């Protein structure tokens, strides 16, 4: 499974969601007005990245079931 490029793409997308989440939490932790704006921006990015990751996971499962693997 690790040699499957689609699986690697899904893993990278999930890792990107995690990194964006950590960046948003870290930015929120600082507490000033500018960091709050930055944190909100990161959270919007996280929602978009999470949407892409979920779509990739669904596509991965769909194609794996169709191919019988």
Protein backbone atom coordinates (compact mmCIF):
# COMPACT_ATOMS: atom_id res chain seq x y z
CA UNK A 1 0.00 0.00 0.00
CA UNK A 2 2.88 2.39 0.69
CA UNK A 3 3.97 2.09 -2.94
CA UNK A 4 0.55 3.32 -4.09
CA UNK A 5 0.99 6.96 -5.19
CA UNK A 6 -2.66 7.72 -4.42
CA UNK A 7 -2.19 6.54 -0.83
CA UNK A 8 0.88 8.77 -0.51
CA UNK A 9 -1.16 11.72 -1.82
CA UNK A 10 -3.85 11.04 0.80
CA UNK A 11 -1.23 10.83 3.54
CA UNK A 12 0.37 14.12 2.44
CA UNK A 13 -3.05 15.81 2.39
CA UNK A 14 -3.76 14.62 5.94
CA UNK A 15 -0.33 15.78 7.08
CA UNK A 16 -0.98 19.20 5.49
CA UNK A 17 -4.22 19.47 7.49
CA UNK A 18 -2.31 18.67 10.68
CA UNK A 19 0.41 21.24 9.94
CA UNK A 20 -2.13 23.98 9.17
CA UNK A 21 -4.04 23.11 12.36
CA UNK A 22 -0.89 23.38 14.47
CA UNK A 23 0.02 26.69 12.83
CA UNK A 24 -3.46 28.05 13.57
CA UNK A 25 -3.40 26.93 17.18
CA UNK A 26 0.08 28.35 17.66
CA UNK A 27 -0.98 31.66 16.15
CA UNK A 28 -4.08 31.77 18.34
CA UNK A 29 -1.97 31.12 21.43
CA UNK A 30 -0.13 34.47 21.10
CA UNK A 31 -3.29 36.45 21.79
CA UNK A 32 -2.96 39.85 20.07
CA UNK A 33 -5.33 41.19 17.39
CA UNK A 34 -3.01 40.46 14.47
CA UNK A 35 -2.45 36.85 15.55
CA UNK A 36 -6.22 36.37 15.87
CA UNK A 37 -6.64 37.42 12.23
CA UNK A 38 -3.81 35.09 11.22
CA UNK A 39 -5.34 32.26 13.24
CA UNK A 40 -8.69 32.74 11.48
CA UNK A 41 -6.91 32.65 8.12
CA UNK A 42 -5.17 29.41 9.05
CA UNK A 43 -8.44 27.87 10.17
CA UNK A 44 -10.07 28.76 6.83
CA UNK A 45 -7.11 27.14 5.09
CA UNK A 46 -7.55 24.09 7.32
CA UNK A 47 -11.20 23.74 6.36
CA UNK A 48 -10.27 23.84 2.67
CA UNK A 49 -7.39 21.39 3.13
CA UNK A 50 -9.59 19.10 5.19
CA UNK A 51 -12.25 19.14 2.46
CA UNK A 52 -9.64 18.15 -0.13
CA UNK A 53 -8.27 15.44 2.17
CA UNK A 54 -11.73 13.95 2.76
CA UNK A 55 -12.44 13.94 -0.98
CA UNK A 56 -9.12 12.19 -1.63
CA UNK A 57 -9.85 9.61 1.08
CA UNK A 58 -13.28 8.90 -0.40
CA UNK A 59 -11.81 8.59 -3.90
CA UNK A 60 -9.06 6.30 -2.59
CA UNK A 61 -11.58 3.99 -0.91
CA UNK A 62 -13.86 4.03 -3.95
CA UNK A 63 -11.12 3.10 -6.42
CA UNK A 64 -9.59 0.50 -4.10
CA UNK A 65 -12.96 -1.25 -3.80
CA UNK A 66 -13.55 -1.16 -7.55
CA UNK A 67 -10.13 -2.63 -8.28
CA UNK A 68 -10.60 -5.34 -5.67
CA UNK A 69 -7.40 -4.44 -3.85
